[in-house]
């Protein structure tokens, strides 16, 4: 139970940053960046040892990266404004 109490400020900070990003940031970019959460947590599990890289994880990582590219596609294709 003590660990749950210590984690609470981090959750509050995450919600604060999400709120700030939605109000002041680029919502499409924020959505694309959100795709990195499962990928980064899986990478940490593999790097720290509790899990191993399998073909299924590699395919899932490709799908996550593909989803992020699709979500950010409009941002990536945006042409520069008039100079």
C-alpha atoms as a PDB file:
ATOM      1  CA  UNK A   1       0.000   0.000   0.000  1.00  0.00           C
ATOM      2  CA  UNK A   2       2.886   2.369   0.712  1.00  0.00           C
ATOM      3  CA  UNK A   3       4.136   1.976  -2.868  1.00  0.00           C
ATOM      4  CA  UNK A   4       0.736   3.013  -4.205  1.00  0.00           C
ATOM      5  CA  UNK A   5       0.862   6.222  -2.187  1.00  0.00           C
ATOM      6  CA  UNK A   6       4.312   7.069  -3.551  1.00  0.00           C
ATOM      7  CA  UNK A   7       3.203   6.531  -7.160  1.00  0.00           C
ATOM      8  CA  UNK A   8       0.264   8.931  -6.863  1.00  0.00           C
ATOM      9  CA  UNK A   9       2.187  12.203  -7.523  1.00  0.00           C
ATOM     10  CA  UNK A  10       3.595  10.703 -10.730  1.00  0.00           C
ATOM     11  CA  UNK A  11       0.089   9.929 -11.981  1.00  0.00           C
ATOM     12  CA  UNK A  12      -0.983  13.472 -11.149  1.00  0.00           C
ATOM     13  CA  UNK A  13       2.019  14.825 -13.027  1.00  0.00           C
ATOM     14  CA  UNK A  14       1.166  12.739 -16.074  1.00  0.00           C
ATOM     15  CA  UNK A  15      -2.392  14.073 -16.130  1.00  0.00           C
ATOM     16  CA  UNK A  16      -1.095  17.620 -15.696  1.00  0.00           C
ATOM     17  CA  UNK A  17       1.275  17.223 -18.654  1.00  0.00           C
ATOM     18  CA  UNK A  18      -1.472  15.667 -20.787  1.00  0.00           C
ATOM     19  CA  UNK A  19      -3.812  18.548 -19.983  1.00  0.00           C
ATOM     20  CA  UNK A  20      -1.083  21.092 -20.764  1.00  0.00           C
ATOM     21  CA  UNK A  21      -0.269  19.354 -24.058  1.00  0.00           C
ATOM     22  CA  UNK A  22      -3.903  19.204 -25.146  1.00  0.00           C
ATOM     23  CA  UNK A  23      -4.480  22.880 -24.380  1.00  0.00           C
ATOM     24  CA  UNK A  24      -1.231  24.336 -25.729  1.00  0.00           C
ATOM     25  CA  UNK A  25       0.317  21.728 -27.991  1.00  0.00           C
ATOM     26  CA  UNK A  26      -0.334  20.065 -31.295  1.00  0.00           C
ATOM     27  CA  UNK A  27      -3.044  17.473 -30.570  1.00  0.00           C
ATOM     28  CA  UNK A  28      -2.152  15.383 -33.639  1.00  0.00           C
ATOM     29  CA  UNK A  29       1.502  15.251 -32.643  1.00  0.00           C
ATOM     30  CA  UNK A  30       0.527  14.366 -29.080  1.00  0.00           C
ATOM     31  CA  UNK A  31      -1.589  11.496 -30.402  1.00  0.00           C
ATOM     32  CA  UNK A  32       1.306  10.228 -32.477  1.00  0.00           C
ATOM     33  CA  UNK A  33       3.694  10.459 -29.543  1.00  0.00           C
ATOM     34  CA  UNK A  34       1.229   8.479 -27.407  1.00  0.00           C
ATOM     35  CA  UNK A  35       1.977   5.459 -29.584  1.00  0.00           C
ATOM     36  CA  UNK A  36       5.443   5.313 -28.016  1.00  0.00           C
ATOM     37  CA  UNK A  37       4.126   4.368 -24.540  1.00  0.00           C
ATOM     38  CA  UNK A  38       3.599   0.631 -25.196  1.00  0.00           C
ATOM     39  CA  UNK A  39       6.722   0.463 -27.339  1.00  0.00           C
ATOM     40  CA  UNK A  40       8.948   2.090 -24.717  1.00  0.00           C
ATOM     41  CA  UNK A  41       7.548  -0.018 -21.859  1.00  0.00           C
ATOM     42  CA  UNK A  42       8.123  -3.209 -23.868  1.00  0.00           C
ATOM     43  CA  UNK A  43      11.651  -2.078 -24.757  1.00  0.00           C
ATOM     44  CA  UNK A  44      12.382  -1.471 -21.066  1.00  0.00           C
ATOM     45  CA  UNK A  45      11.135  -4.944 -20.158  1.00  0.00           C
ATOM     46  CA  UNK A  46      13.390  -6.462 -22.802  1.00  0.00           C
ATOM     47  CA  UNK A  47      16.437  -4.362 -21.859  1.00  0.00           C
ATOM     48  CA  UNK A  48      16.061  -4.983 -18.116  1.00  0.00           C
ATOM     49  CA  UNK A  49      15.652  -8.727 -18.552  1.00  0.00           C
ATOM     50  CA  UNK A  50      12.127  -9.828 -17.512  1.00  0.00           C
ATOM     51  CA  UNK A  51      11.199 -10.418 -21.165  1.00  0.00           C
ATOM     52  CA  UNK A  52      12.890 -11.469 -24.391  1.00  0.00           C
ATOM     53  CA  UNK A  53      12.467 -10.189 -27.922  1.00  0.00           C
ATOM     54  CA  UNK A  54      10.282 -12.576 -29.898  1.00  0.00           C
ATOM     55  CA  UNK A  55       8.923 -12.455 -33.403  1.00  0.00           C
ATOM     56  CA  UNK A  56       5.501 -11.520 -32.077  1.00  0.00           C
ATOM     57  CA  UNK A  57       6.919  -8.557 -30.170  1.00  0.00           C
ATOM     58  CA  UNK A  58       8.891  -7.436 -33.232  1.00  0.00           C
ATOM     59  CA  UNK A  59       5.770  -7.580 -35.429  1.00  0.00           C
ATOM     60  CA  UNK A  60       3.769  -5.706 -32.796  1.00  0.00           C
ATOM     61  CA  UNK A  61       6.507  -3.043 -32.633  1.00  0.00           C
ATOM     62  CA  UNK A  62       6.277  -2.639 -36.412  1.00  0.00           C
ATOM     63  CA  UNK A  63       2.514  -2.149 -36.133  1.00  0.00           C
ATOM     64  CA  UNK A  64       2.980   0.438 -33.370  1.00  0.00           C
ATOM     65  CA  UNK A  65       5.539   2.343 -35.435  1.00  0.00           C
ATOM     66  CA  UNK A  66       3.257   2.123 -38.486  1.00  0.00           C
ATOM     67  CA  UNK A  67       0.356   3.513 -36.449  1.00  0.00           C
ATOM     68  CA  UNK A  68       2.509   6.397 -35.243  1.00  0.00           C
ATOM     69  CA  UNK A  69       3.548   7.178 -38.821  1.00  0.00           C
ATOM     70  CA  UNK A  70      -0.084   7.094 -39.965  1.00  0.00           C
ATOM     71  CA  UNK A  71      -1.095   9.359 -37.087  1.00  0.00           C
ATOM     72  CA  UNK A  72       1.698  11.830 -37.852  1.00  0.00           C
ATOM     73  CA  UNK A  73       1.392  11.520 -41.636  1.00  0.00           C
ATOM     74  CA  UNK A  74      -0.344  14.861 -42.017  1.00  0.00           C
ATOM     75  CA  UNK A  75       2.363  16.538 -39.968  1.00  0.00           C
ATOM     76  CA  UNK A  76       5.161  14.851 -41.929  1.00  0.00           C
ATOM     77  CA  UNK A  77       3.674  15.774 -45.321  1.00  0.00           C
ATOM     78  CA  UNK A  78       2.924  19.377 -44.411  1.00  0.00           C
ATOM     79  CA  UNK A  79       4.580  21.738 -46.869  1.00  0.00           C
ATOM     80  CA  UNK A  80       6.334  24.845 -45.606  1.00  0.00           C
ATOM     81  CA  UNK A  81       4.294  28.011 -45.566  1.00  0.00           C
ATOM     82  CA  UNK A  82       4.863  30.983 -47.863  1.00  0.00           C
ATOM     83  CA  UNK A  83       8.201  32.699 -47.345  1.00  0.00           C
END
